[in-house]
Amino acid sequence: MPTLLIGAGPTSPIPQGQVTAFAGPLPDVRLATVGGGHPVHETRPKEFLAAMEAFLAA
């Protein structure tokens, strides 16, 4: 099953190494970084939606 993992990048309280480690074992993962801190859907809604739309269109 394709999976989209959206992260906040260096502004996130979650270390980026942990994000890539989490994504690593998933067989069909796409990792998008949009910035904006932990609640990326609230702080960067346009970027969040663009990542979601691109993923769903693929």
PDB file of N, CA and C in Angstrom:
ATOM      1  N   MET A   1       0.842  -1.166   0.000  1.00  0.00           N
ATOM      2  CA  MET A   1       0.000   0.000   0.000  1.00  0.00           C
ATOM      3  C   MET A   1       0.894   1.237   0.000  1.00  0.00           C
ATOM      4  N   PRO A   2       0.732   2.135  -0.955  1.00  0.00           N
ATOM      5  CA  PRO A   2       1.507   3.379  -0.945  1.00  0.00           C
ATOM      6  C   PRO A   2       1.201   4.195   0.313  1.00  0.00           C
ATOM      7  N   THR A   3       2.220   4.807   0.849  1.00  0.00           N
ATOM      8  CA  THR A   3       2.100   5.577   2.085  1.00  0.00           C
ATOM      9  C   THR A   3       2.758   6.930   1.899  1.00  0.00           C
ATOM     10  N   LEU A   4       2.111   7.980   2.376  1.00  0.00           N
ATOM     11  CA  LEU A   4       2.683   9.320   2.373  1.00  0.00           C
ATOM     12  C   LEU A   4       3.011   9.696   3.801  1.00  0.00           C
ATOM     13  N   LEU A   5       4.245  10.071   4.030  1.00  0.00           N
ATOM     14  CA  LEU A   5       4.694  10.522   5.341  1.00  0.00           C
ATOM     15  C   LEU A   5       5.075  11.988   5.187  1.00  0.00           C
ATOM     16  N   ILE A   6       4.325  12.861   5.849  1.00  0.00           N
ATOM     17  CA  ILE A   6       4.577  14.304   5.757  1.00  0.00           C
ATOM     18  C   ILE A   6       5.252  14.749   7.043  1.00  0.00           C
ATOM     19  N   GLY A   7       6.398  15.388   6.889  1.00  0.00           N
ATOM     20  CA  GLY A   7       7.152  15.867   8.034  1.00  0.00           C
ATOM     21  C   GLY A   7       7.317  17.371   8.011  1.00  0.00           C
ATOM     22  N   ALA A   8       7.739  17.907   9.132  1.00  0.00           N
ATOM     23  CA  ALA A   8       7.901  19.349   9.279  1.00  0.00           C
ATOM     24  C   ALA A   8       9.347  19.794   9.104  1.00  0.00           C
ATOM     25  N   GLY A   9      10.235  18.871   8.842  1.00  0.00           N
ATOM     26  CA  GLY A   9      11.632  19.255   8.651  1.00  0.00           C
ATOM     27  C   GLY A   9      12.299  19.640   9.948  1.00  0.00           C
ATOM     28  N   PRO A  10      13.306  20.499   9.870  1.00  0.00           N
ATOM     29  CA  PRO A  10      14.082  20.833  11.067  1.00  0.00           C
ATOM     30  C   PRO A  10      13.296  21.609  12.129  1.00  0.00           C
ATOM     31  N   THR A  11      12.121  22.145  11.775  1.00  0.00           N
ATOM     32  CA  THR A  11      11.319  22.854  12.777  1.00  0.00           C
ATOM     33  C   THR A  11      10.485  21.908  13.623  1.00  0.00           C
ATOM     34  N   SER A  12      10.504  20.631  13.286  1.00  0.00           N
ATOM     35  CA  SER A  12       9.728  19.641  14.022  1.00  0.00           C
ATOM     36  C   SER A  12      10.426  19.241  15.314  1.00  0.00           C
ATOM     37  N   PRO A  13       9.643  18.941  16.356  1.00  0.00           N
ATOM     38  CA  PRO A  13      10.258  18.429  17.575  1.00  0.00           C
ATOM     39  C   PRO A  13      10.753  16.985  17.400  1.00  0.00           C
ATOM     40  N   ILE A  14      10.356  16.335  16.314  1.00  0.00           N
ATOM     41  CA  ILE A  14      10.802  14.968  16.038  1.00  0.00           C
ATOM     42  C   ILE A  14      12.100  15.042  15.231  1.00  0.00           C
ATOM     43  N   PRO A  15      13.180  14.452  15.697  1.00  0.00           N
ATOM     44  CA  PRO A  15      14.439  14.480  14.950  1.00  0.00           C
ATOM     45  C   PRO A  15      14.268  13.864  13.557  1.00  0.00           C
ATOM     46  N   GLN A  16      14.837  14.502  12.555  1.00  0.00           N
ATOM     47  CA  GLN A  16      14.665  14.059  11.177  1.00  0.00           C
ATOM     48  C   GLN A  16      15.224  12.660  10.942  1.00  0.00           C
ATOM     49  N   GLY A  17      16.218  12.269  11.695  1.00  0.00           N
ATOM     50  CA  GLY A  17      16.736  10.907  11.599  1.00  0.00           C
ATOM     51  C   GLY A  17      15.685   9.876  11.968  1.00  0.00           C
ATOM     52  N   GLN A  18      14.836  10.212  12.923  1.00  0.00           N
ATOM     53  CA  GLN A  18      13.767   9.294  13.318  1.00  0.00           C
ATOM     54  C   GLN A  18      12.696   9.205  12.230  1.00  0.00           C
ATOM     55  N   VAL A  19      12.446  10.312  11.544  1.00  0.00           N
ATOM     56  CA  VAL A  19      11.451  10.310  10.474  1.00  0.00           C
ATOM     57  C   VAL A  19      11.918   9.407   9.335  1.00  0.00           C
ATOM     58  N   THR A  20      13.157   9.553   8.919  1.00  0.00           N
ATOM     59  CA  THR A  20      13.669   8.720   7.829  1.00  0.00           C
ATOM     60  C   THR A  20      13.798   7.261   8.270  1.00  0.00           C
ATOM     61  N   ALA A  21      14.126   7.025   9.534  1.00  0.00           N
ATOM     62  CA  ALA A  21      14.197   5.650  10.039  1.00  0.00           C
ATOM     63  C   ALA A  21      12.812   5.015  10.044  1.00  0.00           C
ATOM     64  N   PHE A  22      11.791   5.790  10.376  1.00  0.00           N
ATOM     65  CA  PHE A  22      10.427   5.279  10.368  1.00  0.00           C
ATOM     66  C   PHE A  22       9.991   4.949   8.940  1.00  0.00           C
ATOM     67  N   ALA A  23      10.369   5.796   7.998  1.00  0.00           N
ATOM     68  CA  ALA A  23       9.979   5.592   6.599  1.00  0.00           C
ATOM     69  C   ALA A  23      10.741   4.444   5.953  1.00  0.00           C
ATOM     70  N   GLY A  24      11.953   4.186   6.395  1.00  0.00           N
ATOM     71  CA  GLY A  24      12.824   3.196   5.771  1.00  0.00           C
ATOM     72  C   GLY A  24      12.223   1.828   5.529  1.00  0.00           C
ATOM     73  N   PRO A  25      11.603   1.194   6.493  1.00  0.00           N
ATOM     74  CA  PRO A  25      11.088  -0.160   6.281  1.00  0.00           C
ATOM     75  C   PRO A  25       9.790  -0.234   5.475  1.00  0.00           C
ATOM     76  N   LEU A  26       9.150   0.894   5.233  1.00  0.00           N
ATOM     77  CA  LEU A  26       7.899   0.874   4.482  1.00  0.00           C
ATOM     78  C   LEU A  26       8.205   0.644   3.002  1.00  0.00           C
ATOM     79  N   PRO A  27       7.544  -0.313   2.363  1.00  0.00           N
ATOM     80  CA  PRO A  27       7.921  -0.697   1.001  1.00  0.00           C
ATOM     81  C   PRO A  27       7.614   0.338  -0.073  1.00  0.00           C
ATOM     82  N   ASP A  28       6.562   1.115   0.070  1.00  0.00           N
ATOM     83  CA  ASP A  28       6.197   2.090  -0.958  1.00  0.00           C
ATOM     84  C   ASP A  28       5.851   3.406  -0.277  1.00  0.00           C
ATOM     85  N   VAL A  29       6.873   4.058   0.267  1.00  0.00           N
ATOM     86  CA  VAL A  29       6.660   5.283   1.036  1.00  0.00           C
ATOM     87  C   VAL A  29       7.160   6.488   0.253  1.00  0.00           C
ATOM     88  N   ARG A  30       6.435   7.565   0.397  1.00  0.00           N
ATOM     89  CA  ARG A  30       6.865   8.848  -0.133  1.00  0.00           C
ATOM     90  C   ARG A  30       6.982   9.781   1.062  1.00  0.00           C
ATOM     91  N   LEU A  31       8.111  10.451   1.164  1.00  0.00           N
ATOM     92  CA  LEU A  31       8.372  11.349   2.280  1.00  0.00           C
ATOM     93  C   LEU A  31       8.346  12.776   1.756  1.00  0.00           C
ATOM     94  N   ALA A  32       7.468  13.595   2.323  1.00  0.00           N
ATOM     95  CA  ALA A  32       7.368  15.000   1.949  1.00  0.00           C
ATOM     96  C   ALA A  32       7.684  15.843   3.177  1.00  0.00           C
ATOM     97  N   THR A  33       8.484  16.869   2.994  1.00  0.00           N
ATOM     98  CA  THR A  33       8.811  17.788   4.070  1.00  0.00           C
ATOM     99  C   THR A  33       8.236  19.147   3.710  1.00  0.00           C
ATOM    100  N   VAL A  34       7.364  19.673   4.557  1.00  0.00           N
ATOM    101  CA  VAL A  34       6.710  20.936   4.253  1.00  0.00           C
ATOM    102  C   VAL A  34       7.039  22.043   5.250  1.00  0.00           C
ATOM    103  N   GLY A  35       7.744  21.726   6.333  1.00  0.00           N
ATOM    104  CA  GLY A  35       8.076  22.737   7.325  1.00  0.00           C
ATOM    105  C   GLY A  35       6.866  23.094   8.174  1.00  0.00           C
ATOM    106  N   GLY A  36       7.039  24.062   9.045  1.00  0.00           N
ATOM    107  CA  GLY A  36       5.921  24.580   9.800  1.00  0.00           C
ATOM    108  C   GLY A  36       5.700  24.018  11.180  1.00  0.00           C
ATOM    109  N   GLY A  37       6.621  23.251  11.712  1.00  0.00           N
ATOM    110  CA  GLY A  37       6.420  22.698  13.047  1.00  0.00           C
ATOM    111  C   GLY A  37       5.572  21.442  13.007  1.00  0.00           C
ATOM    112  N   HIS A  38       5.193  20.954  14.168  1.00  0.00           N
ATOM    113  CA  HIS A  38       4.505  19.665  14.256  1.00  0.00           C
ATOM    114  C   HIS A  38       3.136  19.640  13.557  1.00  0.00           C
ATOM    115  N   PRO A  39       2.247  20.638  13.758  1.00  0.00           N
ATOM    116  CA  PRO A  39       0.924  20.558  13.112  1.00  0.00           C
ATOM    117  C   PRO A  39       0.961  21.141  11.692  1.00  0.00           C
ATOM    118  N   VAL A  40       1.663  20.463  10.781  1.00  0.00           N
ATOM    119  CA  VAL A  40       1.882  21.016   9.438  1.00  0.00           C
ATOM    120  C   VAL A  40       0.573  21.291   8.703  1.00  0.00           C
ATOM    121  N   HIS A  41      -0.462  20.523   8.974  1.00  0.00           N
ATOM    122  CA  HIS A  41      -1.740  20.751   8.303  1.00  0.00           C
ATOM    123  C   HIS A  41      -2.371  22.080   8.730  1.00  0.00           C
ATOM    124  N   GLU A  42      -1.984  22.591   9.894  1.00  0.00           N
ATOM    125  CA  GLU A  42      -2.503  23.874  10.369  1.00  0.00           C
ATOM    126  C   GLU A  42      -1.581  25.037  10.021  1.00  0.00           C
ATOM    127  N   THR A  43      -0.277  24.827  10.145  1.00  0.00           N
ATOM    128  CA  THR A  43       0.666  25.924   9.944  1.00  0.00           C
ATOM    129  C   THR A  43       1.041  26.127   8.480  1.00  0.00           C
ATOM    130  N   ARG A  44       0.994  25.075   7.682  1.00  0.00           N
ATOM    131  CA  ARG A  44       1.311  25.170   6.259  1.00  0.00           C
ATOM    132  C   ARG A  44       0.250  24.435   5.433  1.00  0.00           C
ATOM    133  N   PRO A  45      -1.002  24.896   5.492  1.00  0.00           N
ATOM    134  CA  PRO A  45      -2.068  24.143   4.830  1.00  0.00           C
ATOM    135  C   PRO A  45      -1.893  24.026   3.313  1.00  0.00           C
ATOM    136  N   LYS A  46      -1.402  25.061   2.653  1.00  0.00           N
ATOM    137  CA  LYS A  46      -1.232  24.979   1.195  1.00  0.00           C
ATOM    138  C   LYS A  46      -0.196  23.937   0.817  1.00  0.00           C
ATOM    139  N   GLU A  47       0.935  23.923   1.520  1.00  0.00           N
ATOM    140  CA  GLU A  47       1.991  22.959   1.241  1.00  0.00           C
ATOM    141  C   GLU A  47       1.533  21.540   1.580  1.00  0.00           C
ATOM    142  N   PHE A  48       0.802  21.413   2.692  1.00  0.00           N
ATOM    143  CA  PHE A  48       0.272  20.118   3.106  1.00  0.00           C
ATOM    144  C   PHE A  48      -0.670  19.568   2.041  1.00  0.00           C
ATOM    145  N   LEU A  49      -1.608  20.401   1.583  1.00  0.00           N
ATOM    146  CA  LEU A  49      -2.562  19.961   0.573  1.00  0.00           C
ATOM    147  C   LEU A  49      -1.882  19.654  -0.758  1.00  0.00           C
ATOM    148  N   ALA A  50      -0.864  20.433  -1.115  1.00  0.00           N
ATOM    149  CA  ALA A  50      -0.134  20.158  -2.356  1.00  0.00           C
ATOM    150  C   ALA A  50       0.533  18.793  -2.298  1.00  0.00           C
ATOM    151  N   ALA A  51       1.119  18.448  -1.153  1.00  0.00           N
ATOM    152  CA  ALA A  51       1.755  17.145  -0.995  1.00  0.00           C
ATOM    153  C   ALA A  51       0.718  16.033  -1.060  1.00  0.00           C
ATOM    154  N   MET A  52      -0.423  16.249  -0.421  1.00  0.00           N
ATOM    155  CA  MET A  52      -1.497  15.241  -0.439  1.00  0.00           C
ATOM    156  C   MET A  52      -2.051  15.056  -1.855  1.00  0.00           C
ATOM    157  N   GLU A  53      -2.294  16.161  -2.551  1.00  0.00           N
ATOM    158  CA  GLU A  53      -2.856  16.076  -3.893  1.00  0.00           C
ATOM    159  C   GLU A  53      -1.900  15.370  -4.864  1.00  0.00           C
ATOM    160  N   ALA A  54      -0.609  15.686  -4.751  1.00  0.00           N
ATOM    161  CA  ALA A  54       0.386  15.039  -5.617  1.00  0.00           C
ATOM    162  C   ALA A  54       0.438  13.547  -5.341  1.00  0.00           C
ATOM    163  N   PHE A  55       0.377  13.172  -4.076  1.00  0.00           N
ATOM    164  CA  PHE A  55       0.402  11.766  -3.699  1.00  0.00           C
ATOM    165  C   PHE A  55      -0.838  11.033  -4.225  1.00  0.00           C
ATOM    166  N   LEU A  56      -1.998  11.640  -4.053  1.00  0.00           N
ATOM    167  CA  LEU A  56      -3.245  10.991  -4.484  1.00  0.00           C
ATOM    168  C   LEU A  56      -3.359  10.928  -6.004  1.00  0.00           C
ATOM    169  N   ALA A  57      -2.738  11.863  -6.692  1.00  0.00           N
ATOM    170  CA  ALA A  57      -2.785  11.864  -8.150  1.00  0.00           C
ATOM    171  C   ALA A  57      -1.841  10.836  -8.771  1.00  0.00           C
ATOM    172  N   ALA A  58      -0.857  10.414  -8.009  1.00  0.00           N
ATOM    173  CA  ALA A  58       0.153   9.472  -8.534  1.00  0.00           C
ATOM    174  C   ALA A  58      -0.378   8.062  -8.615  1.00  0.00           C
TER     175      ALA A  58
END
